Each structure stands twice: as C-alpha cells, then as structure tokens.
Amino acid sequence: MFDGGHLSPPPQLPSPEAQPVPQSNSNPSQLDSPEKASLKRKLEETNSKLSQSKKKIKTLQQTKRRLLKREEKLTSIIANLRSKNVLSTNSLSVLETCGSGIGDLLKRCEAKSKRKGQPAKYSPELRSFALTLHFYSPKAYAYVRKAFDTCLPHPRTLKNCMRQWKMVLPSMQRLFNFFNRELKLYREKEKLPHVR
C-alpha cells in the first residue's frame, strides 16, 4: 500500500459475475396489454369494494354496539323503577314494551332529577311521541309535560318542528279532509246534527 512514499494501486476485488436478467416470454409491449390493464382495473375496483364493505361492517357493528348499550340502560332504568316500587307492574310492563320515545323521556327525567345537563336536541322518537300526543290533545300534552317536569318539548318547539316538516303536513291535511268527508257522509246517513 504505502511503498516509500508511493501509493500502490488498491488490490483488485473479484468482479461480481453479472446476474442474468430473467427474460419473460413476452416483449415489453405485451406487459401493458389491454387485458392486463383490464385485470388491474378489476383488481382495484374489487379492492375498493372490499374496503368499502369493511367500513360498512365496522359502522354497522358500532351501531349495533350502541343500540345494545342503549337497551341495557333502558332495562336498568326500568329495573331501578321496579326496585323502588315507583310504578305499578302494569305501568312497568307497558314501559318495557313501548317504543324508545318513552325511554328517552325517562332518561331525560332521570338526568333532570340528578341535576345533570340534558341534551339540547330531542331524539326523533321523543319528538315523534310529543308531536303525536300534542296532535291528539294539546291539553293532555300540557298535563303530561307538567307531570314529567317539563322534560317534553315546549309547544312552541313542536310548532317549529311542524313548520320544518312541511312535507308531512299535506299528507295530514289529506287525512283530515278524508275524515271530514267520511264524518259528513255518516251524519247524513244517520241524520245526525252537524256539530262544530
């Protein structure tokens, strides 16, 4: 290496043998053939559908898990009411079989009694229950609202909901018109006096 001030050339390393490049049976123009491009597209579409399906499965599982938790909460509320003998057995059986609108109402009442914050928005089931009850009798609605310590929406809120549901109102109007016609026909048939 170092010979009297002169540098000797570095030792020759064995040259690596050239690795043979595998030759395919097809030429480069066939690598991007329409068939291969079509297969690539199909593979990408299939992978896309697979990932979408996985996302959908995940969201459905989350929804199922949330519904199960919600059901557990409702059953625990009913069990709590049963253990404290707050309601009769008939009332409890009705609560167990009724829709989730009543369950939401009970949850709001429980939160209000514990002085916890209530959600600003009413659930669709509770809104539907309140609208139906108010539709049949505003006085009955006022009584139920007072009995449940104002956990139901205020009548003004219900009127705003009705304004937002403009598509529902025409069908209700048709229903009212139908009942009015039927009532008139019945009164004419039975010769009953017309009462307003």
Protein backbone atom coordinates (compact mmCIF):
# COMPACT_ATOMS: atom_id res chain seq x y z
CA MET A 1 0.00 0.00 0.00
CA PHE A 2 2.49 2.56 1.08
CA ASP A 3 5.84 1.89 -0.62
CA GLY A 4 8.47 4.52 0.05
CA GLY A 5 6.12 7.41 -0.35
CA HIS A 6 4.34 5.94 -3.32
CA LEU A 7 0.88 4.64 -3.21
CA SER A 8 0.29 1.33 -4.72
CA PRO A 9 -2.96 0.68 -6.52
CA PRO A 10 -5.66 -0.94 -4.41
CA PRO A 11 -5.98 -4.66 -4.69
CA GLN A 12 -8.32 -5.86 -7.36
CA LEU A 13 -11.59 -7.09 -5.96
CA PRO A 14 -13.11 -10.02 -7.66
CA SER A 15 -15.62 -8.71 -10.15
CA PRO A 16 -19.12 -9.84 -9.44
CA GLU A 17 -20.47 -12.04 -12.07
CA ALA A 18 -23.22 -10.43 -13.96
CA GLN A 19 -26.52 -11.76 -12.79
CA PRO A 20 -28.61 -12.82 -15.71
CA VAL A 21 -31.78 -10.74 -16.04
CA PRO A 22 -34.76 -13.03 -16.25
CA GLN A 23 -36.27 -12.83 -19.65
CA SER A 24 -40.01 -13.04 -19.91
CA ASN A 25 -41.62 -14.79 -22.76
CA SER A 26 -43.38 -11.60 -23.75
CA ASN A 27 -41.95 -8.43 -25.12
CA PRO A 28 -42.39 -5.04 -23.33
CA SER A 29 -45.35 -4.07 -25.46
CA GLN A 30 -47.29 -7.07 -24.11
CA LEU A 31 -46.65 -6.10 -20.44
CA ASP A 32 -49.12 -3.26 -20.76
CA SER A 33 -51.61 -5.15 -22.85
CA PRO A 34 -55.30 -4.20 -22.68
CA GLU A 35 -56.05 -7.50 -20.95
CA LYS A 36 -53.57 -6.78 -18.18
CA ALA A 37 -54.83 -3.20 -17.80
CA SER A 38 -58.39 -4.51 -17.59
CA LEU A 39 -57.38 -7.02 -14.92
CA LYS A 40 -55.59 -4.28 -12.96
CA ARG A 41 -58.73 -2.11 -13.07
CA LYS A 42 -60.89 -5.02 -11.91
CA LEU A 43 -58.45 -5.71 -9.07
CA GLU A 44 -58.52 -2.05 -7.99
CA GLU A 45 -62.34 -1.99 -8.14
CA THR A 46 -62.53 -5.19 -6.10
CA ASN A 47 -60.10 -3.81 -3.52
CA SER A 48 -62.13 -0.59 -3.34
CA LYS A 49 -65.37 -2.54 -2.83
CA LEU A 50 -63.67 -4.65 -0.18
CA SER A 51 -62.50 -1.60 1.76
CA GLN A 52 -65.97 -0.03 1.49
CA SER A 53 -67.54 -3.24 2.74
CA LYS A 54 -65.12 -3.35 5.67
CA LYS A 55 -66.01 0.25 6.58
CA LYS A 56 -69.71 -0.55 6.35
CA ILE A 57 -69.29 -3.62 8.55
CA LYS A 58 -67.40 -1.53 11.08
CA THR A 59 -70.08 1.18 11.22
CA LEU A 60 -72.86 -1.40 11.48
CA GLN A 61 -71.04 -3.11 14.33
CA GLN A 62 -70.66 0.25 16.09
CA THR A 63 -74.36 0.96 15.62
CA LYS A 64 -75.25 -2.47 16.98
CA ARG A 65 -72.98 -1.96 19.98
CA ARG A 66 -74.53 1.45 20.71
CA LEU A 67 -78.06 0.05 20.44
CA LEU A 68 -77.19 -2.77 22.83
CA LYS A 69 -75.79 -0.26 25.34
CA ARG A 70 -78.92 1.85 24.96
CA GLU A 71 -81.12 -1.16 25.57
CA GLU A 72 -79.09 -2.05 28.67
CA LYS A 73 -79.55 1.48 30.01
CA LEU A 74 -83.30 1.36 29.45
CA THR A 75 -83.64 -2.01 31.13
CA SER A 76 -81.56 -0.76 34.06
CA ILE A 77 -83.85 2.28 34.40
CA ILE A 78 -86.90 0.03 34.39
CA ALA A 79 -85.26 -2.31 36.90
CA ASN A 80 -84.45 0.70 39.09
CA LEU A 81 -88.07 1.87 38.93
CA ARG A 82 -89.24 -1.65 39.74
CA SER A 83 -86.90 -1.96 42.75
CA LYS A 84 -88.04 1.39 44.17
CA ASN A 85 -91.72 0.49 43.59
CA VAL A 86 -92.26 3.83 41.88
CA LEU A 87 -94.61 2.43 39.24
CA SER A 88 -97.19 -0.32 39.24
CA THR A 89 -96.49 -3.60 37.50
CA ASN A 90 -98.92 -2.71 34.70
CA SER A 91 -97.09 0.55 34.07
CA LEU A 92 -93.75 -1.22 34.07
CA SER A 93 -94.93 -3.81 31.58
CA VAL A 94 -96.18 -1.01 29.31
CA LEU A 95 -92.82 0.74 29.59
CA GLU A 96 -90.96 -2.45 28.75
CA THR A 97 -92.95 -2.93 25.56
CA CYS A 98 -93.25 0.67 24.41
CA GLY A 99 -91.03 2.44 21.93
CA SER A 100 -87.82 4.21 22.75
CA GLY A 101 -89.55 7.62 22.85
CA ILE A 102 -90.78 6.83 26.35
CA GLY A 103 -87.35 5.54 27.30
CA ASP A 104 -85.79 8.80 26.14
CA LEU A 105 -88.34 10.70 28.20
CA LEU A 106 -87.46 8.65 31.28
CA LYS A 107 -83.74 9.25 30.72
CA ARG A 108 -84.34 13.00 30.47
CA CYS A 109 -86.39 12.93 33.68
CA GLU A 110 -83.69 11.00 35.50
CA ALA A 111 -81.00 13.42 34.29
CA LYS A 112 -83.11 16.37 35.38
CA SER A 113 -83.74 14.87 38.82
CA LYS A 114 -80.00 14.32 39.29
CA ARG A 115 -79.41 17.90 38.04
CA LYS A 116 -77.31 16.69 35.15
CA GLY A 117 -77.32 18.56 31.87
CA GLN A 118 -79.86 17.40 29.33
CA PRO A 119 -79.09 17.14 25.65
CA ALA A 120 -80.16 20.22 23.72
CA LYS A 121 -81.78 18.19 20.96
CA TYR A 122 -84.67 15.85 21.47
CA SER A 123 -84.37 12.40 19.96
CA PRO A 124 -86.51 11.72 16.87
CA GLU A 125 -88.53 9.13 18.81
CA LEU A 126 -89.28 11.56 21.64
CA ARG A 127 -90.16 14.31 19.15
CA SER A 128 -92.49 11.94 17.33
CA PHE A 129 -94.13 10.89 20.61
CA ALA A 130 -94.56 14.53 21.66
CA LEU A 131 -95.98 15.56 18.28
CA THR A 132 -98.42 12.66 18.28
CA LEU A 133 -99.61 13.39 21.81
CA HIS A 134 -99.94 17.11 21.09
CA PHE A 135 -101.78 16.31 17.85
CA TYR A 136 -104.43 14.27 19.68
CA SER A 137 -104.89 16.68 22.58
CA PRO A 138 -102.91 19.81 23.42
CA LYS A 139 -104.43 19.81 26.93
CA ALA A 140 -103.35 16.22 27.52
CA TYR A 141 -99.91 17.13 26.24
CA ALA A 142 -99.70 20.06 28.66
CA TYR A 143 -100.70 17.75 31.52
CA VAL A 144 -98.13 15.08 30.59
CA ARG A 145 -95.45 17.74 30.10
CA LYS A 146 -96.18 19.15 33.55
CA ALA A 147 -96.29 15.66 35.10
CA PHE A 148 -92.87 14.83 33.65
CA ASP A 149 -91.39 18.09 34.96
CA THR A 150 -91.15 19.77 31.55
CA CYS A 151 -88.93 17.07 30.04
CA LEU A 152 -91.04 17.16 26.89
CA PRO A 153 -90.53 19.94 24.33
CA HIS A 154 -92.43 23.18 24.74
CA PRO A 155 -95.47 23.52 22.42
CA ARG A 156 -93.65 26.34 20.58
CA THR A 157 -90.84 23.90 19.83
CA LEU A 158 -93.39 21.45 18.46
CA LYS A 159 -94.85 24.15 16.21
CA ASN A 160 -91.36 24.86 14.89
CA CYS A 161 -90.93 21.13 14.21
CA MET A 162 -94.22 21.12 12.33
CA ARG A 163 -93.03 24.05 10.21
CA GLN A 164 -89.87 22.15 9.39
CA TRP A 165 -91.84 19.09 8.38
CA LYS A 166 -93.66 20.76 5.52
CA MET A 167 -93.81 17.53 3.57
CA VAL A 168 -95.72 15.76 6.34
CA LEU A 169 -98.40 18.42 6.64
CA PRO A 170 -100.01 17.97 3.19
CA SER A 171 -100.50 14.27 3.85
CA MET A 172 -102.03 15.09 7.24
CA GLN A 173 -104.31 17.63 5.55
CA ARG A 174 -105.46 14.96 3.10
CA LEU A 175 -106.13 12.70 6.08
CA PHE A 176 -108.21 15.40 7.79
CA ASN A 177 -110.16 16.02 4.60
CA PHE A 178 -110.84 12.31 4.24
CA PHE A 179 -112.13 12.06 7.83
CA ASN A 180 -114.29 15.16 7.39
CA ARG A 181 -115.88 13.69 4.25
CA GLU A 182 -116.49 10.37 5.99
CA LEU A 183 -117.97 12.13 9.00
CA LYS A 184 -120.31 14.16 6.80
CA LEU A 185 -121.44 11.02 4.97
CA TYR A 186 -122.01 9.24 8.26
CA ARG A 187 -124.01 12.16 9.67
CA GLU A 188 -126.14 12.38 6.53
CA LYS A 189 -126.75 8.65 6.62
CA GLU A 190 -127.65 8.63 10.31
CA LYS A 191 -129.33 12.07 10.13
CA LEU A 192 -127.22 13.40 12.97
CA PRO A 193 -126.98 17.14 13.61
CA HIS A 194 -123.87 18.89 12.35
CA VAL A 195 -121.75 19.96 15.31
CA ARG A 196 -118.80 22.31 15.04
